[in-house]
Amino acid sequence: MQEAELKQRFDDGALKQATATPVPMASKGWHLVLTDKKSRQVVLQRQRGQEREFSTLDAAFSAARRIGFREMTVSAGL
């Protein structure tokens, strides 16, 4: 889902957690994974449908804040 859709879902109370996870099979980079109240996960996507990759945790947290989250967890991805 894209940022605008996720912000609407957050405003509707459907999202409960934001987590930054390492990009699989990459030496660096982060995905922003959002979890809804039914424990389903969705990765923030670009406009073209690809999963959005952040180069820093700060950038991932900025996106989470724009969606509406005040905190974000970080997964080591082990």
PDB file of N, CA and C in Angstrom:
ATOM      1  N   MET A   1       0.832  -1.177   0.000  1.00  0.00           N
ATOM      2  CA  MET A   1       0.000   0.000   0.000  1.00  0.00           C
ATOM      3  C   MET A   1       0.881   1.246   0.000  1.00  0.00           C
ATOM      4  N   GLN A   2       0.331   2.282  -0.536  1.00  0.00           N
ATOM      5  CA  GLN A   2       1.067   3.541  -0.589  1.00  0.00           C
ATOM      6  C   GLN A   2       0.789   4.367   0.665  1.00  0.00           C
ATOM      7  N   GLU A   3       1.630   5.372   0.855  1.00  0.00           N
ATOM      8  CA  GLU A   3       1.580   6.184   2.074  1.00  0.00           C
ATOM      9  C   GLU A   3       0.210   6.816   2.326  1.00  0.00           C
ATOM     10  N   ALA A   4      -0.436   7.357   1.300  1.00  0.00           N
ATOM     11  CA  ALA A   4      -1.733   8.025   1.486  1.00  0.00           C
ATOM     12  C   ALA A   4      -2.801   7.047   1.977  1.00  0.00           C
ATOM     13  N   GLU A   5      -2.811   5.849   1.410  1.00  0.00           N
ATOM     14  CA  GLU A   5      -3.773   4.825   1.844  1.00  0.00           C
ATOM     15  C   GLU A   5      -3.520   4.415   3.289  1.00  0.00           C
ATOM     16  N   LEU A   6      -2.250   4.251   3.623  1.00  0.00           N
ATOM     17  CA  LEU A   6      -1.894   3.835   4.977  1.00  0.00           C
ATOM     18  C   LEU A   6      -2.221   4.917   5.991  1.00  0.00           C
ATOM     19  N   LYS A   7      -2.038   6.172   5.613  1.00  0.00           N
ATOM     20  CA  LYS A   7      -2.403   7.268   6.521  1.00  0.00           C
ATOM     21  C   LYS A   7      -3.901   7.241   6.803  1.00  0.00           C
ATOM     22  N   GLN A   8      -4.705   6.997   5.773  1.00  0.00           N
ATOM     23  CA  GLN A   8      -6.154   6.909   5.959  1.00  0.00           C
ATOM     24  C   GLN A   8      -6.518   5.742   6.882  1.00  0.00           C
ATOM     25  N   ARG A   9      -5.861   4.598   6.676  1.00  0.00           N
ATOM     26  CA  ARG A   9      -6.126   3.439   7.544  1.00  0.00           C
ATOM     27  C   ARG A   9      -5.700   3.722   8.981  1.00  0.00           C
ATOM     28  N   PHE A  10      -4.580   4.456   9.152  1.00  0.00           N
ATOM     29  CA  PHE A  10      -4.143   4.828  10.502  1.00  0.00           C
ATOM     30  C   PHE A  10      -5.178   5.745  11.145  1.00  0.00           C
ATOM     31  N   ASP A  11      -5.634   6.737  10.401  1.00  0.00           N
ATOM     32  CA  ASP A  11      -6.633   7.680  10.908  1.00  0.00           C
ATOM     33  C   ASP A  11      -7.944   6.969  11.276  1.00  0.00           C
ATOM     34  N   ASP A  12      -8.262   5.889  10.565  1.00  0.00           N
ATOM     35  CA  ASP A  12      -9.464   5.102  10.845  1.00  0.00           C
ATOM     36  C   ASP A  12      -9.265   4.141  12.016  1.00  0.00           C
ATOM     37  N   GLY A  13      -8.024   4.064  12.537  1.00  0.00           N
ATOM     38  CA  GLY A  13      -7.734   3.191  13.668  1.00  0.00           C
ATOM     39  C   GLY A  13      -7.422   1.756  13.292  1.00  0.00           C
ATOM     40  N   ALA A  14      -7.121   1.499  12.018  1.00  0.00           N
ATOM     41  CA  ALA A  14      -6.896   0.128  11.559  1.00  0.00           C
ATOM     42  C   ALA A  14      -5.457  -0.349  11.736  1.00  0.00           C
ATOM     43  N   LEU A  15      -4.504   0.561  11.920  1.00  0.00           N
ATOM     44  CA  LEU A  15      -3.101   0.171  12.047  1.00  0.00           C
ATOM     45  C   LEU A  15      -2.644   0.309  13.495  1.00  0.00           C
ATOM     46  N   LYS A  16      -1.803  -0.647  13.940  1.00  0.00           N
ATOM     47  CA  LYS A  16      -1.372  -0.594  15.332  1.00  0.00           C
ATOM     48  C   LYS A  16       0.137  -0.523  15.531  1.00  0.00           C
ATOM     49  N   GLN A  17       0.943  -0.868  14.520  1.00  0.00           N
ATOM     50  CA  GLN A  17       2.390  -0.897  14.739  1.00  0.00           C
ATOM     51  C   GLN A  17       3.152  -0.646  13.448  1.00  0.00           C
ATOM     52  N   ALA A  18       4.288   0.036  13.582  1.00  0.00           N
ATOM     53  CA  ALA A  18       5.222   0.246  12.471  1.00  0.00           C
ATOM     54  C   ALA A  18       6.555  -0.374  12.855  1.00  0.00           C
ATOM     55  N   THR A  19       7.131  -1.142  11.940  1.00  0.00           N
ATOM     56  CA  THR A  19       8.396  -1.815  12.198  1.00  0.00           C
ATOM     57  C   THR A  19       9.322  -1.636  11.004  1.00  0.00           C
ATOM     58  N   ALA A  20      10.559  -1.255  11.261  1.00  0.00           N
ATOM     59  CA  ALA A  20      11.573  -1.198  10.213  1.00  0.00           C
ATOM     60  C   ALA A  20      12.280  -2.549  10.199  1.00  0.00           C
ATOM     61  N   THR A  21      12.334  -3.176   9.028  1.00  0.00           N
ATOM     62  CA  THR A  21      13.004  -4.473   8.887  1.00  0.00           C
ATOM     63  C   THR A  21      14.044  -4.372   7.781  1.00  0.00           C
ATOM     64  N   PRO A  22      15.146  -5.085   7.922  1.00  0.00           N
ATOM     65  CA  PRO A  22      16.162  -5.048   6.860  1.00  0.00           C
ATOM     66  C   PRO A  22      15.605  -5.582   5.544  1.00  0.00           C
ATOM     67  N   VAL A  23      16.062  -5.012   4.451  1.00  0.00           N
ATOM     68  CA  VAL A  23      15.663  -5.489   3.129  1.00  0.00           C
ATOM     69  C   VAL A  23      16.281  -6.877   2.939  1.00  0.00           C
ATOM     70  N   PRO A  24      15.464  -7.886   2.608  1.00  0.00           N
ATOM     71  CA  PRO A  24      16.018  -9.232   2.416  1.00  0.00           C
ATOM     72  C   PRO A  24      17.009  -9.271   1.254  1.00  0.00           C
ATOM     73  N   MET A  25      18.027 -10.079   1.417  1.00  0.00           N
ATOM     74  CA  MET A  25      19.018 -10.307   0.355  1.00  0.00           C
ATOM     75  C   MET A  25      19.751  -9.032  -0.063  1.00  0.00           C
ATOM     76  N   ALA A  26      19.887  -8.077   0.848  1.00  0.00           N
ATOM     77  CA  ALA A  26      20.604  -6.833   0.541  1.00  0.00           C
ATOM     78  C   ALA A  26      21.550  -6.525   1.690  1.00  0.00           C
ATOM     79  N   SER A  27      22.629  -5.859   1.383  1.00  0.00           N
ATOM     80  CA  SER A  27      23.606  -5.539   2.419  1.00  0.00           C
ATOM     81  C   SER A  27      23.175  -4.355   3.276  1.00  0.00           C
ATOM     82  N   LYS A  28      22.275  -3.528   2.750  1.00  0.00           N
ATOM     83  CA  LYS A  28      21.780  -2.392   3.523  1.00  0.00           C
ATOM     84  C   LYS A  28      20.403  -2.002   3.006  1.00  0.00           C
ATOM     85  N   GLY A  29      19.713  -1.201   3.791  1.00  0.00           N
ATOM     86  CA  GLY A  29      18.392  -0.738   3.406  1.00  0.00           C
ATOM     87  C   GLY A  29      17.326  -1.296   4.333  1.00  0.00           C
ATOM     88  N   TRP A  30      16.196  -0.584   4.396  1.00  0.00           N
ATOM     89  CA  TRP A  30      15.118  -0.924   5.315  1.00  0.00           C
ATOM     90  C   TRP A  30      13.769  -0.849   4.627  1.00  0.00           C
ATOM     91  N   HIS A  31      12.868  -1.740   5.007  1.00  0.00           N
ATOM     92  CA  HIS A  31      11.461  -1.680   4.623  1.00  0.00           C
ATOM     93  C   HIS A  31      10.681  -1.195   5.834  1.00  0.00           C
ATOM     94  N   LEU A  32       9.566  -0.537   5.595  1.00  0.00           N
ATOM     95  CA  LEU A  32       8.653  -0.146   6.659  1.00  0.00           C
ATOM     96  C   LEU A  32       7.453  -1.082   6.585  1.00  0.00           C
ATOM     97  N   VAL A  33       7.318  -1.928   7.605  1.00  0.00           N
ATOM     98  CA  VAL A  33       6.245  -2.915   7.668  1.00  0.00           C
ATOM     99  C   VAL A  33       5.213  -2.431   8.681  1.00  0.00           C
ATOM    100  N   LEU A  34       3.960  -2.367   8.258  1.00  0.00           N
ATOM    101  CA  LEU A  34       2.890  -1.900   9.129  1.00  0.00           C
ATOM    102  C   LEU A  34       1.973  -3.068   9.451  1.00  0.00           C
ATOM    103  N   THR A  35       1.550  -3.148  10.704  1.00  0.00           N
ATOM    104  CA  THR A  35       0.702  -4.242  11.173  1.00  0.00           C
ATOM    105  C   THR A  35      -0.658  -3.680  11.549  1.00  0.00           C
ATOM    106  N   ASP A  36      -1.711  -4.345  11.066  1.00  0.00           N
ATOM    107  CA  ASP A  36      -3.058  -3.880  11.404  1.00  0.00           C
ATOM    108  C   ASP A  36      -3.580  -4.596  12.649  1.00  0.00           C
ATOM    109  N   LYS A  37      -4.787  -4.274  13.047  1.00  0.00           N
ATOM    110  CA  LYS A  37      -5.349  -4.822  14.287  1.00  0.00           C
ATOM    111  C   LYS A  37      -5.621  -6.313  14.208  1.00  0.00           C
ATOM    112  N   LYS A  38      -5.659  -6.872  12.995  1.00  0.00           N
ATOM    113  CA  LYS A  38      -5.852  -8.313  12.827  1.00  0.00           C
ATOM    114  C   LYS A  38      -4.513  -9.026  12.634  1.00  0.00           C
ATOM    115  N   SER A  39      -3.410  -8.332  12.946  1.00  0.00           N
ATOM    116  CA  SER A  39      -2.033  -8.842  12.849  1.00  0.00           C
ATOM    117  C   SER A  39      -1.597  -9.152  11.421  1.00  0.00           C
ATOM    118  N   ARG A  40      -2.252  -8.551  10.437  1.00  0.00           N
ATOM    119  CA  ARG A  40      -1.804  -8.674   9.044  1.00  0.00           C
ATOM    120  C   ARG A  40      -0.750  -7.607   8.798  1.00  0.00           C
ATOM    121  N   GLN A  41       0.269  -7.962   8.026  1.00  0.00           N
ATOM    122  CA  GLN A  41       1.356  -7.031   7.748  1.00  0.00           C
ATOM    123  C   GLN A  41       1.331  -6.590   6.290  1.00  0.00           C
ATOM    124  N   VAL A  42       1.698  -5.328   6.089  1.00  0.00           N
ATOM    125  CA  VAL A  42       1.799  -4.769   4.742  1.00  0.00           C
ATOM    126  C   VAL A  42       3.053  -3.909   4.693  1.00  0.00           C
ATOM    127  N   VAL A  43       3.759  -3.956   3.574  1.00  0.00           N
ATOM    128  CA  VAL A  43       4.980  -3.172   3.395  1.00  0.00           C
ATOM    129  C   VAL A  43       4.629  -1.901   2.622  1.00  0.00           C
ATOM    130  N   LEU A  44       5.148  -0.772   3.081  1.00  0.00           N
ATOM    131  CA  LEU A  44       4.946   0.491   2.379  1.00  0.00           C
ATOM    132  C   LEU A  44       5.507   0.361   0.965  1.00  0.00           C
ATOM    133  N   GLN A  45       4.711   0.803  -0.028  1.00  0.00           N
ATOM    134  CA  GLN A  45       5.113   0.677  -1.418  1.00  0.00           C
ATOM    135  C   GLN A  45       5.270   2.034  -2.091  1.00  0.00           C
ATOM    136  N   ARG A  46       6.021   2.008  -3.186  1.00  0.00           N
ATOM    137  CA  ARG A  46       6.144   3.193  -4.039  1.00  0.00           C
ATOM    138  C   ARG A  46       4.895   3.306  -4.895  1.00  0.00           C
ATOM    139  N   GLN A  47       4.797   4.384  -5.646  1.00  0.00           N
ATOM    140  CA  GLN A  47       3.639   4.592  -6.523  1.00  0.00           C
ATOM    141  C   GLN A  47       3.558   3.537  -7.622  1.00  0.00           C
ATOM    142  N   ARG A  48       4.665   2.968  -7.981  1.00  0.00           N
ATOM    143  CA  ARG A  48       4.685   1.984  -9.065  1.00  0.00           C
ATOM    144  C   ARG A  48       4.503   0.550  -8.554  1.00  0.00           C
ATOM    145  N   GLY A  49       4.191   0.397  -7.289  1.00  0.00           N
ATOM    146  CA  GLY A  49       3.896  -0.919  -6.747  1.00  0.00           C
ATOM    147  C   GLY A  49       5.063  -1.676  -6.162  1.00  0.00           C
ATOM    148  N   GLN A  50       6.267  -1.153  -6.277  1.00  0.00           N
ATOM    149  CA  GLN A  50       7.430  -1.816  -5.692  1.00  0.00           C
ATOM    150  C   GLN A  50       7.527  -1.465  -4.213  1.00  0.00           C
ATOM    151  N   GLU A  51       8.112  -2.376  -3.427  1.00  0.00           N
ATOM    152  CA  GLU A  51       8.317  -2.085  -2.014  1.00  0.00           C
ATOM    153  C   GLU A  51       9.323  -0.951  -1.872  1.00  0.00           C
ATOM    154  N   ARG A  52       8.974   0.014  -1.033  1.00  0.00           N
ATOM    155  CA  ARG A  52       9.842   1.173  -0.841  1.00  0.00           C
ATOM    156  C   ARG A  52      11.004   0.797   0.062  1.00  0.00           C
ATOM    157  N   GLU A  53      12.209   1.157  -0.343  1.00  0.00           N
ATOM    158  CA  GLU A  53      13.414   0.889   0.442  1.00  0.00           C
ATOM    159  C   GLU A  53      13.964   2.203   0.965  1.00  0.00           C
ATOM    160  N   PHE A  54      14.276   2.211   2.247  1.00  0.00           N
ATOM    161  CA  PHE A  54      14.862   3.385   2.891  1.00  0.00           C
ATOM    162  C   PHE A  54      16.330   3.107   3.158  1.00  0.00           C
ATOM    163  N   SER A  55      17.162   4.101   2.926  1.00  0.00           N
ATOM    164  CA  SER A  55      18.592   3.905   3.142  1.00  0.00           C
ATOM    165  C   SER A  55      18.978   4.056   4.618  1.00  0.00           C
ATOM    166  N   THR A  56      18.136   4.759   5.386  1.00  0.00           N
ATOM    167  CA  THR A  56      18.440   4.946   6.811  1.00  0.00           C
ATOM    168  C   THR A  56      17.190   4.692   7.654  1.00  0.00           C
ATOM    169  N   LEU A  57      17.415   4.409   8.922  1.00  0.00           N
ATOM    170  CA  LEU A  57      16.291   4.260   9.848  1.00  0.00           C
ATOM    171  C   LEU A  57      15.571   5.585  10.045  1.00  0.00           C
ATOM    172  N   ASP A  58      16.315   6.685  10.003  1.00  0.00           N
ATOM    173  CA  ASP A  58      15.690   8.005  10.134  1.00  0.00           C
ATOM    174  C   ASP A  58      14.674   8.244   9.020  1.00  0.00           C
ATOM    175  N   ALA A  59      15.014   7.851   7.813  1.00  0.00           N
ATOM    176  CA  ALA A  59      14.092   8.024   6.682  1.00  0.00           C
ATOM    177  C   ALA A  59      12.851   7.145   6.856  1.00  0.00           C
ATOM    178  N   ALA A  60      13.029   5.917   7.331  1.00  0.00           N
ATOM    179  CA  ALA A  60      11.891   5.029   7.576  1.00  0.00           C
ATOM    180  C   ALA A  60      10.998   5.608   8.669  1.00  0.00           C
ATOM    181  N   PHE A  61      11.614   6.152   9.722  1.00  0.00           N
ATOM    182  CA  PHE A  61      10.835   6.728  10.814  1.00  0.00           C
ATOM    183  C   PHE A  61      10.083   7.979  10.352  1.00  0.00           C
ATOM    184  N   SER A  62      10.678   8.764   9.484  1.00  0.00           N
ATOM    185  CA  SER A  62       9.990   9.944   8.944  1.00  0.00           C
ATOM    186  C   SER A  62       8.727   9.539   8.196  1.00  0.00           C
ATOM    187  N   ALA A  63       8.807   8.462   7.425  1.00  0.00           N
ATOM    188  CA  ALA A  63       7.622   7.971   6.713  1.00  0.00           C
ATOM    189  C   ALA A  63       6.571   7.474   7.708  1.00  0.00           C
ATOM    190  N   ALA A  64       7.013   6.761   8.746  1.00  0.00           N
ATOM    191  CA  ALA A  64       6.073   6.279   9.775  1.00  0.00           C
ATOM    192  C   ALA A  64       5.380   7.459  10.460  1.00  0.00           C
ATOM    193  N   ARG A  65       6.121   8.530  10.713  1.00  0.00           N
ATOM    194  CA  ARG A  65       5.535   9.723  11.338  1.00  0.00           C
ATOM    195  C   ARG A  65       4.533  10.405  10.421  1.00  0.00           C
ATOM    196  N   ARG A  66       4.828  10.452   9.123  1.00  0.00           N
ATOM    197  CA  ARG A  66       3.884  11.052   8.174  1.00  0.00           C
ATOM    198  C   ARG A  66       2.576  10.258   8.138  1.00  0.00           C
ATOM    199  N   ILE A  67       2.671   8.958   8.316  1.00  0.00           N
ATOM    200  CA  ILE A  67       1.473   8.114   8.349  1.00  0.00           C
ATOM    201  C   ILE A  67       0.689   8.375   9.628  1.00  0.00           C
ATOM    202  N   GLY A  68       1.401   8.696  10.716  1.00  0.00           N
ATOM    203  CA  GLY A  68       0.716   9.014  11.967  1.00  0.00           C
ATOM    204  C   GLY A  68       1.310   8.365  13.208  1.00  0.00           C
ATOM    205  N   PHE A  69       2.272   7.477  13.040  1.00  0.00           N
ATOM    206  CA  PHE A  69       2.872   6.794  14.179  1.00  0.00           C
ATOM    207  C   PHE A  69       3.793   7.715  14.962  1.00  0.00           C
ATOM    208  N   ARG A  70       3.816   7.536  16.261  1.00  0.00           N
ATOM    209  CA  ARG A  70       4.735   8.294  17.129  1.00  0.00           C
ATOM    210  C   ARG A  70       5.953   7.473  17.497  1.00  0.00           C
ATOM    211  N   GLU A  71       5.887   6.162  17.268  1.00  0.00           N
ATOM    212  CA  GLU A  71       7.027   5.301  17.545  1.00  0.00           C
ATOM    213  C   GLU A  71       7.085   4.193  16.508  1.00  0.00           C
ATOM    214  N   MET A  72       8.278   3.604  16.404  1.00  0.00           N
ATOM    215  CA  MET A  72       8.524   2.550  15.431  1.00  0.00           C
ATOM    216  C   MET A  72       9.493   1.571  16.075  1.00  0.00           C
ATOM    217  N   THR A  73       9.279   0.286  15.876  1.00  0.00           N
ATOM    218  CA  THR A  73      10.221  -0.702  16.354  1.00  0.00           C
ATOM    219  C   THR A  73      11.172  -1.065  15.210  1.00  0.00           C
ATOM    220  N   VAL A  74      12.320  -1.621  15.585  1.00  0.00           N
ATOM    221  CA  VAL A  74      13.326  -2.030  14.608  1.00  0.00           C
ATOM    222  C   VAL A  74      13.574  -3.525  14.783  1.00  0.00           C
ATOM    223  N   SER A  75      13.469  -4.260  13.698  1.00  0.00           N
ATOM    224  CA  SER A  75      13.712  -5.701  13.713  1.00  0.00           C
ATOM    225  C   SER A  75      15.095  -5.974  13.165  1.00  0.00           C
ATOM    226  N   ALA A  76      15.824  -6.871  13.834  1.00  0.00           N
ATOM    227  CA  ALA A  76      17.162  -7.227  13.359  1.00  0.00           C
ATOM    228  C   ALA A  76      17.087  -8.137  12.140  1.00  0.00           C
ATOM    229  N   GLY A  77      15.950  -8.768  11.925  1.00  0.00           N
ATOM    230  CA  GLY A  77      15.776  -9.609  10.756  1.00  0.00           C
ATOM    231  C   GLY A  77      16.580 -10.895  10.779  1.00  0.00           C
ATOM    232  N   LEU A  78      16.888 -11.381  11.960  1.00  0.00           N
ATOM    233  CA  LEU A  78      17.687 -12.620  12.066  1.00  0.00           C
ATOM    234  C   LEU A  78      16.844 -13.847  11.909  1.00  0.00           C
TER     235      LEU A  78
END
